[in-house]
Amino acid sequence: MAAAVAGGLRDGGRGTVELPLADGGEGTLDVLLHALGGERRSVTVRDPLGRPVRAAYGLVDRGRTAVVEMAQASGLGLVAERERDAWAASTYGTGEVIAAALADGSVRTVLVTVGGSATTDGGAGALEALRDAGFLTPGSTRTPSRRGSRKATKGGVGVDFVVACDVRTAWEDAARVFAPQKGADAATVRRLERRLASLAQRAPRDPRGVPMTGAAGGLAGGLWAHLGARLVSGANYVLDAVAFDKQMRASRLVVTGEGRVDEQSLTGKVVGEVATRCRQRGVACHAVVGENDLDAFQARLIDLSTITEAGTTRRLRTAGRRLAEI
């Protein structure tokens, strides 16, 4: 999409800089490796329904930081629509990827990017996989600090966890807000809510009421509760990694895009964070979208102008030419 819109802007005589962006969901690993350099590796793990799948992870900072994109192993895109099962889907494969990264090189920090999940298991599967691989024991998850992690160990050395989240949703809202798109009917949503409540009660610290703990069906909250992981905005993490602010300040306008903009776009999604940063700096921001479901107040809140132009490269290029006339 970026290349097509940029081509239209150049057709209209505008210079362009293309910055790949993501917010923690699918594609975040590619964006971060492009921005930070590093090495891409892959491993065979379980998909959300337990089938084998190849999942990639990255090693950056001379191998000291591993980047694990949970969508590689536990993403909704791995499950056909007719197969979606919000109750059975597990993050075990994501735990396997984390374990592979911990066993590989000199990793001292694991960045887990979360979003686009097929799961609502509160991270129980991922934690089980880490225990099965020997990186967690019951005692290592007893009293995580609110300020740090260093609870999973590799050869006796503590490992820090950071979770880059695509939404700010709290733990107790994860099933209600996201499980229906993962195949859950109303009765299953209620079952999932009860399961998440039970997991929260048994956790070393209670994730309920904490922003971002509901990301990826509670995977973020599970890592926060059991490993003391630090939760950060995935969109802001990526924007900082690609030096977005520097490029934005040197630009007349910024063009972003999303398949659909709606209320969720204002709660941690990359298009909302891009628009917010532009508004704060007084730089015009436009979004090329497939569908616009923002009301007038929401659009004014982030000062976002939208062009609805979904589909082909040709149409996106046309949208770019229209923006060049502004």
Foldseek 3Di string as FASTA:
>chain_A
DQVLLCLLLVVLVDDDDDQDAFWLAPPLQVNLCVLFPFDKDWDWFAAQQGDTAIFIWTAGPQRQEIEQRLCRRFALVVAPQVRQDQVRGASLRSLVVVLVSLVDGNYQEYEYRFARGLYQQLQPNSVVNCVVSPQADVVLQQAADLVWFQRGDDPNGGHTYAYAFQFFDFQLCLLVPPVVSRPDDPVVSVVSSVNSVVVQVPFNHHRGPGTRCCTNNRSNVSCCRRGVHHYDGSLVVSCVSNVVLVVQLVDQAEEAEDQEDDPRCCGRTNLNVVLQSCVVNVHAYEYEYQYYHYDPVRCVVSVYHYDRFDDDSNRSSVVSNVVSVD
